[in-house]
Amino acid sequence: MIRRPPRSTPLYSSAASDVYKRQGNAFGKIFKIMTFGESHGTAMGCILDGCPPEIEISEEDIQLELDRRKPGQSDVTTQRQEDDAVQILSGVFEGKTLGTPIGMIIYNKDQQSKDYTNIKDVFRPNHADITYQAKYGHRDYRGGGRASARETANWVAAGAIAKKILKKEGVEVNGFVSAIGKVRAESINYKDIDNKYFFCDESKLTDLDSMFDNLIEEGNSVGAKLGVIVKNCPVGLGDPVFEKLDANLAKAIMTINAVKSVSVGNVDDLLNLKGSEARDEITTSGFSSNNSGGILGGISNGDDISLSFIIKPTSSIKTKGKTIDKDGKEVDIEVTGRHDPCVGIRAVPIAEAMVSLVLVDHFLINKAQCADVKQNLPFSE
């Protein structure tokens, strides 16, 4: 007979702690966030633990990143009007981090829960409604609850602090959109993007305007392809075999709502290349190419890290479709409310934030383990 250990024993405590950690509301190992909140709840918030002390940070610094993500800024994003004003509750004093947990909160102000009362007993196709109901037996149907992209405001707030740390190390993280629907960028210019689509080829803006006019009139949506480029990443980030940098980056990107695939490096051309062409030969001045995307064996090699990922079309659309209700009966569904015709557009600052969180976490892990190692590559130039 197997007996359950008493609650006071280390075995029981360890097991309970492990289950708690696996609830999916925390991210990171040393530089770690834990978040809370639902789309139509009182507020969104997070606690960032493991942040080094004496990092200069202010609410204004964080707000700059949140303003890039917030809804209602153009006709091609949801018209929910949230100012996303962040309030730092702890962990910062006189403009610098203390090394203690940083608490942040963002109050929700423009919830319109009545938009969802007509679908509270049905499951929106290609949404988390049906799986949340099956798993928990109870869900917040208003705006998707915890499954809403509203949650990503927490990540962007924490990512703003991560970006400040990376900036001190000379590391840049730049995101962009390279395709929306059938409109594809012919060139990639991720510097100084200044358009409402975060699109990296401004010669395509007129095509995008026309496409979105049709989408909004039709009440439909499209997907998008996005990219993130990391410049000046130090050598040595990532740990074989189960904590590879590219694996952790892929997990971070897949965490973003509606992402369906992630790739690292030059995957678009990889099937067309032979091994002799794709192997990134090494010379005295460095790597001759970067098909690997800046990561070898799960460890950063000092070259640019390049990621790309696909976001599916928004599922909450006005076009009528088929689904079932809570009793298993087939019904028609037409989702009203305020939704993005392409959720990929606002995912750019979210992706930058998630990549930044991973990089800082790995930076601190690497510093703890390999502080005395001179992590240099033997290039002469």
Protein backbone atom coordinates (compact mmCIF):
# COMPACT_ATOMS: atom_id res chain seq x y z
CA MET A 1 0.00 0.00 0.00
CA ILE A 2 1.36 3.42 -0.97
CA ARG A 3 0.85 6.03 1.71
CA ARG A 4 0.59 9.74 1.00
CA PRO A 5 3.40 11.56 2.86
CA PRO A 6 2.38 13.97 5.63
CA ARG A 7 1.98 17.58 4.53
CA SER A 8 4.93 18.62 6.66
CA THR A 9 7.43 16.38 4.86
CA PRO A 10 9.84 17.83 2.30
CA LEU A 11 8.53 15.41 -0.34
CA TYR A 12 5.01 16.74 -0.10
CA SER A 13 6.17 20.35 -0.03
CA SER A 14 8.41 19.82 -3.04
CA ALA A 15 5.63 18.17 -5.02
CA ALA A 16 3.17 20.92 -4.17
CA SER A 17 5.71 23.56 -5.09
CA ASP A 18 6.40 21.85 -8.43
CA VAL A 19 2.69 21.71 -9.26
CA TYR A 20 2.35 25.39 -8.37
CA LYS A 21 5.21 26.33 -10.67
CA ARG A 22 3.58 24.40 -13.51
CA GLN A 23 0.33 26.36 -13.44
CA GLY A 24 1.65 28.41 -16.34
CA ASN A 25 1.51 31.91 -14.84
CA ALA A 26 5.26 32.36 -14.36
CA PHE A 27 8.03 32.72 -16.94
CA GLY A 28 11.82 32.67 -16.54
CA LYS A 29 14.27 31.15 -14.09
CA ILE A 30 16.31 33.98 -12.52
CA PHE A 31 14.74 36.99 -14.22
CA LYS A 32 11.19 35.79 -13.65
CA ILE A 33 7.74 37.25 -14.05
CA MET A 34 4.43 36.09 -12.62
CA THR A 35 1.28 37.68 -14.01
CA PHE A 36 -2.38 37.99 -13.15
CA GLY A 37 -5.59 39.43 -14.57
CA GLU A 38 -8.39 38.82 -17.07
CA SER A 39 -9.46 40.86 -20.08
CA HIS A 40 -12.56 42.33 -18.42
CA GLY A 41 -11.38 42.08 -14.83
CA THR A 42 -10.30 44.95 -12.60
CA ALA A 43 -6.67 45.06 -13.68
CA MET A 44 -3.71 43.35 -15.25
CA GLY A 45 -0.54 43.02 -13.25
CA CYS A 46 2.77 41.30 -12.79
CA ILE A 47 5.59 40.77 -10.35
CA LEU A 48 9.11 40.78 -11.75
CA ASP A 49 11.61 39.01 -9.51
CA GLY A 50 15.36 38.64 -9.95
CA CYS A 51 15.96 42.04 -11.47
CA PRO A 52 19.46 43.37 -10.72
CA PRO A 53 19.67 46.50 -8.54
CA GLU A 54 20.54 50.01 -9.71
CA ILE A 55 18.87 49.76 -13.12
CA GLU A 56 17.45 53.19 -13.94
CA ILE A 57 13.76 52.80 -14.69
CA SER A 58 10.62 54.92 -14.49
CA GLU A 59 6.95 54.54 -15.25
CA GLU A 60 7.57 56.75 -18.31
CA ASP A 61 10.14 54.26 -19.64
CA ILE A 62 7.66 51.42 -19.33
CA GLN A 63 4.83 53.51 -20.73
CA LEU A 64 6.74 54.12 -23.96
CA GLU A 65 6.64 50.38 -24.68
CA LEU A 66 3.04 49.95 -23.54
CA ASP A 67 1.93 52.77 -25.82
CA ARG A 68 3.28 50.84 -28.81
CA ARG A 69 1.07 47.88 -27.87
CA LYS A 70 -2.08 49.51 -26.54
CA PRO A 71 -5.38 49.18 -28.42
CA GLY A 72 -7.45 51.84 -30.15
CA GLN A 73 -4.61 53.72 -31.84
CA SER A 74 -5.71 53.20 -35.44
CA ASP A 75 -8.54 51.88 -37.58
CA VAL A 76 -6.71 48.57 -38.11
CA THR A 77 -6.66 47.53 -34.44
CA THR A 78 -9.37 46.91 -31.88
CA GLN A 79 -11.20 50.10 -30.91
CA ARG A 80 -11.15 49.26 -27.21
CA GLN A 81 -9.88 52.46 -25.59
CA GLU A 82 -7.36 51.68 -22.87
CA ASP A 83 -4.67 54.12 -21.80
CA ASP A 84 -2.68 51.19 -20.34
CA ALA A 85 -1.24 53.49 -17.67
CA VAL A 86 1.25 51.49 -15.64
CA GLN A 87 1.81 52.00 -11.93
CA ILE A 88 4.94 50.69 -10.23
CA LEU A 89 4.00 49.39 -6.79
CA SER A 90 7.34 48.18 -5.46
CA GLY A 91 10.96 47.43 -6.19
CA VAL A 92 11.95 50.86 -7.50
CA PHE A 93 13.17 53.76 -5.37
CA GLU A 94 14.53 57.12 -6.47
CA GLY A 95 14.44 56.02 -10.10
CA LYS A 96 16.48 52.84 -9.66
CA THR A 97 15.64 49.19 -9.08
CA LEU A 98 16.30 47.86 -5.58
CA GLY A 99 16.94 44.23 -6.50
CA THR A 100 13.67 43.32 -4.78
CA PRO A 101 10.44 42.19 -6.50
CA ILE A 102 9.00 44.83 -8.84
CA GLY A 103 5.21 44.97 -8.74
CA MET A 104 3.32 46.65 -11.59
CA ILE A 105 -0.38 47.11 -12.25
CA ILE A 106 -2.42 48.32 -15.22
CA TYR A 107 -6.11 49.01 -14.54
CA ASN A 108 -8.71 48.07 -17.14
CA LYS A 109 -11.05 50.96 -17.95
CA ASP A 110 -12.96 50.25 -21.16
CA GLN A 111 -14.46 46.81 -20.71
CA GLN A 112 -17.74 46.29 -22.59
CA SER A 113 -18.77 42.92 -21.25
CA LYS A 114 -22.27 43.19 -22.73
CA ASP A 115 -20.72 42.50 -26.14
CA TYR A 116 -20.16 38.91 -25.01
CA THR A 117 -23.45 38.04 -23.28
CA ASN A 118 -24.95 36.67 -26.49
CA ILE A 119 -22.12 34.12 -26.83
CA LYS A 120 -21.52 33.19 -23.20
CA ASP A 121 -23.02 29.73 -23.71
CA VAL A 122 -21.39 28.98 -27.07
CA PHE A 123 -17.79 28.32 -28.05
CA ARG A 124 -16.08 30.62 -30.52
CA PRO A 125 -14.33 28.58 -33.23
CA ASN A 126 -10.53 28.46 -33.03
CA HIS A 127 -10.57 30.10 -29.60
CA ALA A 128 -9.61 28.88 -26.14
CA ASP A 129 -13.25 28.92 -24.97
CA ILE A 130 -13.88 25.22 -25.43
CA THR A 131 -10.56 24.01 -23.99
CA TYR A 132 -10.73 26.33 -20.94
CA GLN A 133 -14.25 25.04 -20.25
CA ALA A 134 -13.14 21.43 -20.61
CA LYS A 135 -10.06 21.88 -18.41
CA TYR A 136 -11.44 24.05 -15.59
CA GLY A 137 -15.20 23.51 -15.79
CA HIS A 138 -15.67 27.26 -15.36
CA ARG A 139 -14.43 30.23 -17.42
CA ASP A 140 -14.65 33.97 -17.81
CA TYR A 141 -16.32 34.37 -21.21
CA ARG A 142 -15.90 38.16 -21.29
CA GLY A 143 -13.30 39.01 -23.89
CA GLY A 144 -11.60 35.65 -23.52
CA GLY A 145 -10.72 36.13 -19.86
CA ARG A 146 -7.19 34.96 -19.09
CA ALA A 147 -6.73 33.74 -22.68
CA SER A 148 -7.10 37.28 -24.03
CA ALA A 149 -4.19 39.15 -25.60
CA ARG A 150 -4.91 41.77 -22.95
CA GLU A 151 -2.59 39.65 -20.77
CA THR A 152 0.34 40.66 -22.96
CA ALA A 153 0.35 44.16 -21.46
CA ASN A 154 2.05 42.52 -18.46
CA TRP A 155 4.77 41.06 -20.64
CA VAL A 156 5.45 44.36 -22.37
CA ALA A 157 5.73 46.14 -19.01
CA ALA A 158 8.27 43.60 -17.75
CA GLY A 159 9.99 43.55 -21.13
CA ALA A 160 10.55 47.30 -20.93
CA ILE A 161 12.77 46.71 -17.89
CA ALA A 162 14.55 43.86 -19.66
CA LYS A 163 15.22 46.19 -22.59
CA LYS A 164 16.84 48.72 -20.26
CA ILE A 165 19.19 46.02 -18.98
CA LEU A 166 20.05 44.89 -22.51
CA LYS A 167 20.67 48.47 -23.59
CA LYS A 168 23.37 48.77 -20.91
CA GLU A 169 25.05 45.77 -22.53
CA GLY A 170 24.71 47.26 -26.03
CA VAL A 171 22.10 44.71 -27.15
CA GLU A 172 19.28 45.82 -29.47
CA VAL A 173 16.00 43.97 -30.03
CA ASN A 174 14.02 45.05 -33.11
CA GLY A 175 10.67 43.65 -34.24
CA PHE A 176 8.77 44.15 -37.48
CA VAL A 177 5.97 42.81 -39.68
CA SER A 178 7.10 41.37 -43.03
CA ALA A 179 3.79 40.07 -44.40
CA ILE A 180 0.10 40.68 -43.77
CA GLY A 181 -2.28 38.43 -45.66
CA LYS A 182 -1.10 38.34 -49.28
CA VAL A 183 0.93 41.57 -49.00
CA ARG A 184 4.61 40.64 -48.68
CA ALA A 185 7.60 42.90 -48.01
CA GLU A 186 10.11 42.98 -50.86
CA SER A 187 12.80 44.41 -48.60
CA ILE A 188 13.41 44.37 -44.83
CA ASN A 189 14.04 47.69 -43.11
CA TYR A 190 13.43 47.21 -39.41
CA LYS A 191 15.05 50.47 -38.34
CA ASP A 192 12.89 53.52 -37.62
CA ILE A 193 9.59 51.89 -38.64
CA ASP A 194 6.97 54.63 -38.45
CA ASN A 195 3.68 53.28 -39.75
CA LYS A 196 0.57 51.88 -38.11
CA TYR A 197 1.24 48.38 -39.46
CA PHE A 198 4.82 48.09 -38.08
CA PHE A 199 5.54 47.05 -41.68
CA CYS A 200 9.16 46.86 -42.76
CA ASP A 201 8.58 47.83 -46.42
CA GLU A 202 6.87 51.21 -46.71
CA SER A 203 6.38 50.80 -50.46
CA LYS A 204 3.54 48.39 -49.57
CA LEU A 205 1.54 50.74 -47.35
CA THR A 206 -0.98 51.67 -50.04
CA ASP A 207 -1.63 47.98 -50.71
CA LEU A 208 -2.16 47.42 -46.99
CA ASP A 209 -4.56 50.37 -46.74
CA SER A 210 -6.67 48.94 -49.54
CA MET A 211 -6.66 45.43 -48.07
CA PHE A 212 -7.75 46.62 -44.63
CA ASP A 213 -10.54 48.79 -46.06
CA ASN A 214 -11.95 45.63 -47.65
CA LEU A 215 -11.41 43.53 -44.52
CA ILE A 216 -13.18 45.99 -42.25
CA GLU A 217 -16.11 46.29 -44.62
CA GLU A 218 -16.31 42.50 -44.95
CA GLY A 219 -15.92 41.92 -41.20
CA ASN A 220 -13.06 39.49 -41.75
CA SER A 221 -9.40 39.09 -40.79
CA VAL A 222 -5.97 37.96 -42.02
CA GLY A 223 -2.79 36.56 -40.52
CA ALA A 224 0.72 37.97 -40.50
CA LYS A 225 4.39 37.08 -40.56
CA LEU A 226 6.67 38.88 -38.11
CA GLY A 227 10.35 38.97 -37.40
CA VAL A 228 12.72 39.89 -34.57
CA ILE A 229 16.39 40.75 -35.02
CA VAL A 230 18.76 40.83 -32.03
CA LYS A 231 21.99 42.77 -32.61
CA ASN A 232 25.14 42.66 -30.48
CA CYS A 233 24.10 39.62 -28.47
CA PRO A 234 27.10 38.36 -26.47
CA VAL A 235 28.61 34.94 -27.07
CA GLY A 236 27.69 32.16 -24.64
CA LEU A 237 23.97 32.57 -23.88
CA GLY A 238 22.12 29.27 -23.72
CA ASP A 239 22.68 25.93 -22.00
CA PRO A 240 22.72 22.49 -23.61
CA VAL A 241 20.76 20.40 -23.81
CA PHE A 242 17.35 21.29 -22.42
CA GLU A 243 17.82 25.04 -22.00
CA LYS A 244 19.04 25.96 -25.47
CA LEU A 245 18.69 29.62 -26.28
CA ASP A 246 16.77 28.98 -29.50
CA ALA A 247 14.43 26.55 -27.71
CA ASN A 248 13.65 29.11 -25.00
CA LEU A 249 13.17 31.87 -27.58
CA ALA A 250 10.80 29.64 -29.54
CA LYS A 251 8.80 28.92 -26.39
CA ALA A 252 8.62 32.63 -25.61
CA ILE A 253 7.29 33.45 -29.07
CA MET A 254 4.84 30.53 -29.06
CA THR A 255 3.45 31.92 -25.81
CA ILE A 256 2.10 34.92 -27.75
CA ASN A 257 -1.58 34.61 -28.61
CA ALA A 258 -2.37 33.23 -32.08
CA VAL A 259 1.23 32.28 -32.97
CA LYS A 260 1.27 29.00 -34.91
CA SER A 261 4.93 28.59 -35.95
CA VAL A 262 8.39 29.91 -35.07
CA SER A 263 11.66 29.62 -36.95
CA VAL A 264 15.26 30.60 -36.23
CA GLY A 265 17.65 31.63 -38.98
CA ASN A 266 17.33 31.42 -42.74
CA VAL A 267 14.60 28.78 -42.91
CA ASP A 268 12.94 30.24 -46.01
CA ASP A 269 15.94 29.22 -48.15
CA LEU A 270 17.22 26.26 -46.16
CA LEU A 271 15.54 23.56 -48.26
CA ASN A 272 17.02 25.08 -51.41
CA LEU A 273 20.57 25.02 -50.07
CA LYS A 274 23.05 22.17 -49.92
CA GLY A 275 25.11 21.55 -46.81
CA SER A 276 28.11 23.16 -48.44
CA GLU A 277 26.07 26.34 -48.92
CA ALA A 278 24.20 26.44 -45.62
CA ARG A 279 26.97 25.63 -43.15
CA ASP A 280 28.09 29.20 -42.27
CA GLU A 281 31.79 28.72 -42.95
CA ILE A 282 34.24 30.38 -40.58
CA THR A 283 37.13 32.64 -41.55
CA THR A 284 39.64 34.64 -39.54
CA SER A 285 37.24 37.60 -39.69
CA GLY A 286 34.17 35.66 -38.57
CA PHE A 287 31.24 33.71 -40.00
CA SER A 288 30.84 34.01 -43.76
CA SER A 289 27.03 33.73 -43.50
CA ASN A 290 24.34 33.51 -40.83
CA ASN A 291 21.92 30.78 -41.90
CA SER A 292 21.93 29.49 -38.31
CA GLY A 293 20.38 32.71 -37.03
CA GLY A 294 23.13 33.53 -34.51
CA ILE A 295 22.79 30.35 -32.43
CA LEU A 296 24.91 27.17 -32.64
CA GLY A 297 24.26 24.14 -30.44
CA GLY A 298 21.74 26.19 -28.50
CA ILE A 299 24.39 28.82 -27.60
CA SER A 300 24.64 32.34 -29.02
CA ASN A 301 27.64 32.85 -31.30
CA GLY A 302 27.73 36.67 -31.29
CA ASP A 303 26.11 37.05 -34.70
CA ASP A 304 22.67 38.60 -35.21
CA ILE A 305 19.87 36.42 -33.84
CA SER A 306 17.03 36.24 -36.33
CA LEU A 307 13.55 34.90 -35.56
CA SER A 308 10.41 34.78 -37.64
CA PHE A 309 6.92 33.60 -36.78
CA ILE A 310 3.40 33.29 -38.17
CA ILE A 311 0.24 34.60 -36.50
CA LYS A 312 -3.10 33.17 -37.57
CA PRO A 313 -6.07 35.31 -38.68
CA THR A 314 -8.23 36.67 -35.87
CA SER A 315 -11.01 34.19 -35.05
CA SER A 316 -13.43 36.73 -33.56
CA ILE A 317 -15.03 38.12 -36.72
CA LYS A 318 -18.45 39.33 -37.82
CA THR A 319 -18.67 36.74 -40.59
CA LYS A 320 -21.25 34.15 -39.53
CA GLY A 321 -19.93 30.64 -38.83
CA LYS A 322 -20.75 27.27 -37.24
CA THR A 323 -20.08 26.11 -33.68
CA ILE A 324 -21.74 24.30 -30.77
CA ASP A 325 -23.22 25.50 -27.49
CA LYS A 326 -22.56 24.19 -23.98
CA ASP A 327 -25.15 21.45 -24.52
CA GLY A 328 -23.42 20.23 -27.67
CA LYS A 329 -26.03 21.56 -30.10
CA GLU A 330 -24.92 23.08 -33.40
CA VAL A 331 -25.57 26.82 -33.65
CA ASP A 332 -24.59 29.76 -35.84
CA ILE A 333 -22.22 32.32 -34.37
CA GLU A 334 -21.48 35.91 -35.29
CA VAL A 335 -19.05 37.67 -32.96
CA THR A 336 -19.71 41.34 -32.27
CA GLY A 337 -17.56 43.68 -30.21
CA ARG A 338 -14.18 45.27 -30.90
CA HIS A 339 -11.57 43.08 -32.53
CA ASP A 340 -8.38 43.39 -34.57
CA PRO A 341 -8.65 42.57 -38.29
CA CYS A 342 -5.03 41.44 -37.85
CA VAL A 343 -3.68 40.68 -34.39
CA GLY A 344 -0.16 40.45 -35.78
CA ILE A 345 0.22 44.21 -35.94
CA ARG A 346 0.21 44.76 -32.17
CA ALA A 347 2.37 41.66 -31.62
CA VAL A 348 5.59 43.49 -32.55
CA PRO A 349 6.25 45.08 -29.12
CA ILE A 350 5.02 41.87 -27.47
CA ALA A 351 7.58 39.79 -29.35
CA GLU A 352 10.34 42.26 -28.55
CA ALA A 353 9.38 42.03 -24.87
CA MET A 354 9.37 38.22 -24.77
CA VAL A 355 12.71 37.97 -26.57
CA SER A 356 14.19 40.55 -24.17
CA LEU A 357 12.95 38.62 -21.13
CA VAL A 358 14.61 35.43 -22.39
CA LEU A 359 17.89 37.17 -23.20
CA VAL A 360 18.19 38.83 -19.78
CA ASP A 361 17.35 35.56 -18.04
CA HIS A 362 20.06 33.75 -20.00
CA PHE A 363 22.48 36.62 -19.49
CA LEU A 364 22.12 36.33 -15.70
CA ILE A 365 22.33 32.52 -15.79
CA ASN A 366 25.46 32.68 -17.92
CA LYS A 367 27.02 35.29 -15.64
CA ALA A 368 26.37 33.11 -12.58
CA GLN A 369 27.92 29.99 -14.11
CA CYS A 370 30.67 31.31 -16.39
CA ALA A 371 31.68 34.64 -14.85
CA ASP A 372 35.38 33.74 -14.92
CA VAL A 373 35.37 32.41 -18.49
CA LYS A 374 36.60 34.68 -21.26
CA GLN A 375 33.86 33.95 -23.78
CA ASN A 376 35.62 35.19 -26.89
CA LEU A 377 35.67 33.72 -30.39
CA PRO A 378 39.13 33.28 -31.98
CA PHE A 379 38.62 35.80 -34.78
CA SER A 380 41.53 38.05 -35.68
CA GLU A 381 39.32 40.98 -36.71
